[in-house]
Amino acid sequence: MKGIGLSTLAALLLAAFAQTAAAEVKVGFVNSDRVMKEATPAKKAQQKLEKEFEKRDLDLQRVAKQLQGMQESLEKNGMTMGEGERRNKEREFNELNRDLQRKQREFREDLNQRRNEELAGVLDRANKTIKQIAEAEKYDIIFQEAVYASPRIDITDKVIKALTEEK
């Protein structure tokens, strides 16, 4: 009986200590995905990428239309063409198709590389802003990834606002 009383007392003391320690810790949470979508620097980076890759994208679309027209022509007129002419058209179609696929692959690789470069800069600025907010408001820890975070500790809006106001 005496053993049960001491262990219960110890558990209660431990729980009280844990509550006291938790009350002193200031925790925050930032939704990085929202920051990367809604913050002005992230939007500007996206617009910059779109402008930078617009010409290449339009060129790829033009070649894709040309390829589609060639395919329709081959399907429509293939039976009436001579053997040599049909073979030449098919060869030309296949070469253009391979070229388009290569250009599309290069486009995706270049776009992904540039996107990563631009977003790394935005993420660096966001992290500096988060650190400034944490220091100014005396946060002990700020999480950027969590399965669940209470809206009470979510400081994402503060971070987005600070990044928007930053010059």
C-alpha atoms as a PDB file:
ATOM      1  CA  MET A   1       0.000   0.000   0.000  1.00  0.00           C
ATOM      2  CA  LYS A   2       2.830   2.341   0.922  1.00  0.00           C
ATOM      3  CA  GLY A   3       4.560   1.543  -2.445  1.00  0.00           C
ATOM      4  CA  ILE A   4       1.441   2.459  -4.398  1.00  0.00           C
ATOM      5  CA  GLY A   5       1.124   5.782  -2.588  1.00  0.00           C
ATOM      6  CA  LEU A   6       4.737   6.761  -3.285  1.00  0.00           C
ATOM      7  CA  SER A   7       4.559   5.845  -6.969  1.00  0.00           C
ATOM      8  CA  THR A   8       1.317   7.797  -7.350  1.00  0.00           C
ATOM      9  CA  LEU A   9       2.874  10.790  -5.619  1.00  0.00           C
ATOM     10  CA  ALA A  10       5.933  10.531  -7.844  1.00  0.00           C
ATOM     11  CA  ALA A  11       3.731  10.379 -10.968  1.00  0.00           C
ATOM     12  CA  LEU A  12       1.758  13.421  -9.843  1.00  0.00           C
ATOM     13  CA  LEU A  13       4.946  15.367  -9.132  1.00  0.00           C
ATOM     14  CA  LEU A  14       6.369  14.389 -12.510  1.00  0.00           C
ATOM     15  CA  ALA A  15       3.164  15.484 -14.279  1.00  0.00           C
ATOM     16  CA  ALA A  16       3.161  18.787 -12.404  1.00  0.00           C
ATOM     17  CA  PHE A  17       6.808  19.363 -13.310  1.00  0.00           C
ATOM     18  CA  ALA A  18       6.133  18.546 -16.976  1.00  0.00           C
ATOM     19  CA  GLN A  19       3.219  21.010 -17.055  1.00  0.00           C
ATOM     20  CA  THR A  20       5.344  23.746 -15.504  1.00  0.00           C
ATOM     21  CA  ALA A  21       8.171  23.139 -17.974  1.00  0.00           C
ATOM     22  CA  ALA A  22       5.754  23.074 -20.918  1.00  0.00           C
ATOM     23  CA  ALA A  23       4.138  26.329 -19.808  1.00  0.00           C
ATOM     24  CA  GLU A  24       7.489  28.090 -20.055  1.00  0.00           C
ATOM     25  CA  VAL A  25       8.269  26.930 -23.590  1.00  0.00           C
ATOM     26  CA  LYS A  26       6.990  29.107 -26.452  1.00  0.00           C
ATOM     27  CA  VAL A  27       6.375  27.030 -29.587  1.00  0.00           C
ATOM     28  CA  GLY A  28       5.504  28.187 -33.084  1.00  0.00           C
ATOM     29  CA  PHE A  29       4.707  26.576 -36.417  1.00  0.00           C
ATOM     30  CA  VAL A  30       5.205  27.771 -39.998  1.00  0.00           C
ATOM     31  CA  ASN A  31       3.525  26.142 -42.992  1.00  0.00           C
ATOM     32  CA  SER A  32       6.387  26.258 -45.518  1.00  0.00           C
ATOM     33  CA  ASP A  33       4.146  25.258 -48.415  1.00  0.00           C
ATOM     34  CA  ARG A  34       1.908  28.269 -47.817  1.00  0.00           C
ATOM     35  CA  VAL A  35       4.911  30.559 -47.526  1.00  0.00           C
ATOM     36  CA  MET A  36       6.302  29.250 -50.831  1.00  0.00           C
ATOM     37  CA  LYS A  37       2.942  29.825 -52.557  1.00  0.00           C
ATOM     38  CA  GLU A  38       1.675  33.040 -50.973  1.00  0.00           C
ATOM     39  CA  ALA A  39       4.705  35.165 -50.075  1.00  0.00           C
ATOM     40  CA  THR A  40       5.527  37.967 -52.504  1.00  0.00           C
ATOM     41  CA  PRO A  41       9.151  36.821 -53.100  1.00  0.00           C
ATOM     42  CA  ALA A  42       7.888  33.333 -54.013  1.00  0.00           C
ATOM     43  CA  LYS A  43       5.308  34.776 -56.423  1.00  0.00           C
ATOM     44  CA  LYS A  44       7.964  36.990 -58.014  1.00  0.00           C
ATOM     45  CA  ALA A  45      10.296  34.016 -58.409  1.00  0.00           C
ATOM     46  CA  GLN A  46       7.509  32.058 -60.136  1.00  0.00           C
ATOM     47  CA  GLN A  47       6.760  34.965 -62.495  1.00  0.00           C
ATOM     48  CA  LYS A  48      10.465  35.303 -63.274  1.00  0.00           C
ATOM     49  CA  LEU A  49      10.667  31.606 -64.176  1.00  0.00           C
ATOM     50  CA  GLU A  50       7.553  31.801 -66.350  1.00  0.00           C
ATOM     51  CA  LYS A  51       8.972  34.772 -68.246  1.00  0.00           C
ATOM     52  CA  GLU A  52      12.392  33.127 -68.575  1.00  0.00           C
ATOM     53  CA  PHE A  53      10.984  29.873 -70.010  1.00  0.00           C
ATOM     54  CA  GLU A  54       8.029  31.276 -71.966  1.00  0.00           C
ATOM     55  CA  LYS A  55       9.807  31.387 -75.344  1.00  0.00           C
ATOM     56  CA  ARG A  56      11.052  27.806 -75.085  1.00  0.00           C
ATOM     57  CA  ASP A  57       7.614  26.605 -73.992  1.00  0.00           C
ATOM     58  CA  LEU A  58       5.928  28.301 -76.945  1.00  0.00           C
ATOM     59  CA  ASP A  59       8.519  26.783 -79.285  1.00  0.00           C
ATOM     60  CA  LEU A  60       7.807  23.300 -77.885  1.00  0.00           C
ATOM     61  CA  GLN A  61       4.069  23.841 -78.320  1.00  0.00           C
ATOM     62  CA  ARG A  62       4.622  24.931 -81.940  1.00  0.00           C
ATOM     63  CA  VAL A  63       6.687  21.814 -82.715  1.00  0.00           C
ATOM     64  CA  ALA A  64       4.081  19.601 -81.001  1.00  0.00           C
ATOM     65  CA  LYS A  65       1.352  21.080 -83.226  1.00  0.00           C
ATOM     66  CA  GLN A  66       3.534  20.560 -86.284  1.00  0.00           C
ATOM     67  CA  LEU A  67       4.060  16.940 -85.236  1.00  0.00           C
ATOM     68  CA  GLN A  68       0.344  16.445 -84.723  1.00  0.00           C
ATOM     69  CA  GLY A  69      -0.335  17.858 -88.201  1.00  0.00           C
ATOM     70  CA  MET A  70       2.229  15.493 -89.710  1.00  0.00           C
ATOM     71  CA  GLN A  71       0.636  12.527 -87.946  1.00  0.00           C
ATOM     72  CA  GLU A  72      -2.844  13.470 -89.153  1.00  0.00           C
ATOM     73  CA  SER A  73      -1.517  13.892 -92.683  1.00  0.00           C
ATOM     74  CA  LEU A  74       0.167  10.483 -92.572  1.00  0.00           C
ATOM     75  CA  GLU A  75      -3.005   8.828 -91.282  1.00  0.00           C
ATOM     76  CA  LYS A  76      -5.167  10.582 -93.857  1.00  0.00           C
ATOM     77  CA  ASN A  77      -2.919  10.368 -96.908  1.00  0.00           C
ATOM     78  CA  GLY A  78      -0.660   7.436 -96.041  1.00  0.00           C
ATOM     79  CA  MET A  79      -2.557   4.932 -98.124  1.00  0.00           C
ATOM     80  CA  THR A  80      -2.494   7.086-101.245  1.00  0.00           C
ATOM     81  CA  MET A  81       1.227   7.985-101.023  1.00  0.00           C
ATOM     82  CA  GLY A  82       3.894   6.076-102.795  1.00  0.00           C
ATOM     83  CA  GLU A  83       5.999   3.687-100.716  1.00  0.00           C
ATOM     84  CA  GLY A  84       9.123   5.894-100.812  1.00  0.00           C
ATOM     85  CA  GLU A  85       7.243   9.097-100.054  1.00  0.00           C
ATOM     86  CA  ARG A  86       5.397   7.481 -97.119  1.00  0.00           C
ATOM     87  CA  ARG A  87       8.663   6.096 -95.738  1.00  0.00           C
ATOM     88  CA  ASN A  88      10.319   9.540 -96.006  1.00  0.00           C
ATOM     89  CA  LYS A  89       7.361  11.196 -94.244  1.00  0.00           C
ATOM     90  CA  GLU A  90       7.428   8.570 -91.482  1.00  0.00           C
ATOM     91  CA  ARG A  91      11.193   9.022 -91.060  1.00  0.00           C
ATOM     92  CA  GLU A  92      10.758  12.805 -90.897  1.00  0.00           C
ATOM     93  CA  PHE A  93       7.926  12.363 -88.377  1.00  0.00           C
ATOM     94  CA  ASN A  94      10.031  10.020 -86.189  1.00  0.00           C
ATOM     95  CA  GLU A  95      13.048  12.373 -86.269  1.00  0.00           C
ATOM     96  CA  LEU A  96      10.899  15.358 -85.309  1.00  0.00           C
ATOM     97  CA  ASN A  97       9.234  13.310 -82.557  1.00  0.00           C
ATOM     98  CA  ARG A  98      12.629  12.283 -81.085  1.00  0.00           C
ATOM     99  CA  ASP A  99      13.837  15.881 -81.305  1.00  0.00           C
ATOM    100  CA  LEU A 100      10.692  17.116 -79.542  1.00  0.00           C
ATOM    101  CA  GLN A 101      11.055  14.532 -76.763  1.00  0.00           C
ATOM    102  CA  ARG A 102      14.715  15.496 -76.264  1.00  0.00           C
ATOM    103  CA  LYS A 103      13.836  19.206 -76.141  1.00  0.00           C
ATOM    104  CA  GLN A 104      10.983  18.547 -73.700  1.00  0.00           C
ATOM    105  CA  ARG A 105      13.299  16.562 -71.426  1.00  0.00           C
ATOM    106  CA  GLU A 106      15.946  19.321 -71.530  1.00  0.00           C
ATOM    107  CA  PHE A 107      13.248  21.932 -70.888  1.00  0.00           C
ATOM    108  CA  ARG A 108      11.982  20.061 -67.796  1.00  0.00           C
ATOM    109  CA  GLU A 109      15.530  19.577 -66.472  1.00  0.00           C
ATOM    110  CA  ASP A 110      16.450  23.241 -66.995  1.00  0.00           C
ATOM    111  CA  LEU A 111      13.160  24.432 -65.495  1.00  0.00           C
ATOM    112  CA  ASN A 112      13.559  22.192 -62.433  1.00  0.00           C
ATOM    113  CA  GLN A 113      17.137  23.351 -61.906  1.00  0.00           C
ATOM    114  CA  ARG A 114      16.186  27.044 -62.156  1.00  0.00           C
ATOM    115  CA  ARG A 115      13.103  26.523 -59.958  1.00  0.00           C
ATOM    116  CA  ASN A 116      15.285  24.906 -57.303  1.00  0.00           C
ATOM    117  CA  GLU A 117      17.749  27.819 -57.501  1.00  0.00           C
ATOM    118  CA  GLU A 118      15.008  30.439 -57.203  1.00  0.00           C
ATOM    119  CA  LEU A 119      13.146  28.650 -54.429  1.00  0.00           C
ATOM    120  CA  ALA A 120      16.371  28.122 -52.468  1.00  0.00           C
ATOM    121  CA  GLY A 121      16.792  31.897 -52.357  1.00  0.00           C
ATOM    122  CA  VAL A 122      13.187  32.396 -51.242  1.00  0.00           C
ATOM    123  CA  LEU A 123      13.538  29.649 -48.629  1.00  0.00           C
ATOM    124  CA  ASP A 124      16.724  31.240 -47.304  1.00  0.00           C
ATOM    125  CA  ARG A 125      14.948  34.601 -46.935  1.00  0.00           C
ATOM    126  CA  ALA A 126      11.960  32.888 -45.283  1.00  0.00           C
ATOM    127  CA  ASN A 127      14.225  31.107 -42.786  1.00  0.00           C
ATOM    128  CA  LYS A 128      15.965  34.387 -41.904  1.00  0.00           C
ATOM    129  CA  THR A 129      12.571  36.028 -41.416  1.00  0.00           C
ATOM    130  CA  ILE A 130      11.390  33.147 -39.221  1.00  0.00           C
ATOM    131  CA  LYS A 131      14.547  33.450 -37.122  1.00  0.00           C
ATOM    132  CA  GLN A 132      14.013  37.213 -36.737  1.00  0.00           C
ATOM    133  CA  ILE A 133      10.416  36.666 -35.615  1.00  0.00           C
ATOM    134  CA  ALA A 134      11.534  33.926 -33.214  1.00  0.00           C
ATOM    135  CA  GLU A 135      14.158  36.164 -31.647  1.00  0.00           C
ATOM    136  CA  ALA A 136      11.910  39.239 -31.473  1.00  0.00           C
ATOM    137  CA  GLU A 137       8.965  37.364 -29.946  1.00  0.00           C
ATOM    138  CA  LYS A 138      11.095  35.041 -27.796  1.00  0.00           C
ATOM    139  CA  TYR A 139      10.066  31.687 -29.311  1.00  0.00           C
ATOM    140  CA  ASP A 140      11.958  28.677 -28.002  1.00  0.00           C
ATOM    141  CA  ILE A 141      11.298  26.576 -31.097  1.00  0.00           C
ATOM    142  CA  ILE A 142       9.501  26.953 -34.419  1.00  0.00           C
ATOM    143  CA  PHE A 143       8.571  23.888 -36.439  1.00  0.00           C
ATOM    144  CA  GLN A 144       8.225  23.897 -40.209  1.00  0.00           C
ATOM    145  CA  GLU A 145       6.965  20.336 -40.570  1.00  0.00           C
ATOM    146  CA  ALA A 146       4.308  18.736 -38.415  1.00  0.00           C
ATOM    147  CA  VAL A 147       1.503  16.245 -38.762  1.00  0.00           C
ATOM    148  CA  TYR A 148      -0.716  18.638 -36.863  1.00  0.00           C
ATOM    149  CA  ALA A 149      -0.260  22.145 -35.510  1.00  0.00           C
ATOM    150  CA  SER A 150      -2.856  24.139 -33.608  1.00  0.00           C
ATOM    151  CA  PRO A 151      -3.839  27.433 -35.274  1.00  0.00           C
ATOM    152  CA  ARG A 152      -2.924  29.014 -31.917  1.00  0.00           C
ATOM    153  CA  ILE A 153       0.802  28.440 -32.591  1.00  0.00           C
ATOM    154  CA  ASP A 154       0.716  28.977 -36.381  1.00  0.00           C
ATOM    155  CA  ILE A 155       2.783  32.056 -37.299  1.00  0.00           C
ATOM    156  CA  THR A 156       2.668  31.503 -41.067  1.00  0.00           C
ATOM    157  CA  ASP A 157       0.681  34.703 -41.676  1.00  0.00           C
ATOM    158  CA  LYS A 158       3.297  36.727 -39.756  1.00  0.00           C
ATOM    159  CA  VAL A 159       6.070  35.244 -41.884  1.00  0.00           C
ATOM    160  CA  ILE A 160       4.220  35.916 -45.164  1.00  0.00           C
ATOM    161  CA  LYS A 161       3.478  39.489 -44.075  1.00  0.00           C
ATOM    162  CA  ALA A 162       7.110  40.093 -43.055  1.00  0.00           C
ATOM    163  CA  LEU A 163       8.399  38.715 -46.372  1.00  0.00           C
ATOM    164  CA  THR A 164       5.922  40.869 -48.296  1.00  0.00           C
ATOM    165  CA  GLU A 165       7.009  44.003 -46.450  1.00  0.00           C
ATOM    166  CA  GLU A 166      10.701  43.155 -46.858  1.00  0.00           C
ATOM    167  CA  LYS A 167      12.526  44.990 -49.623  1.00  0.00           C
END
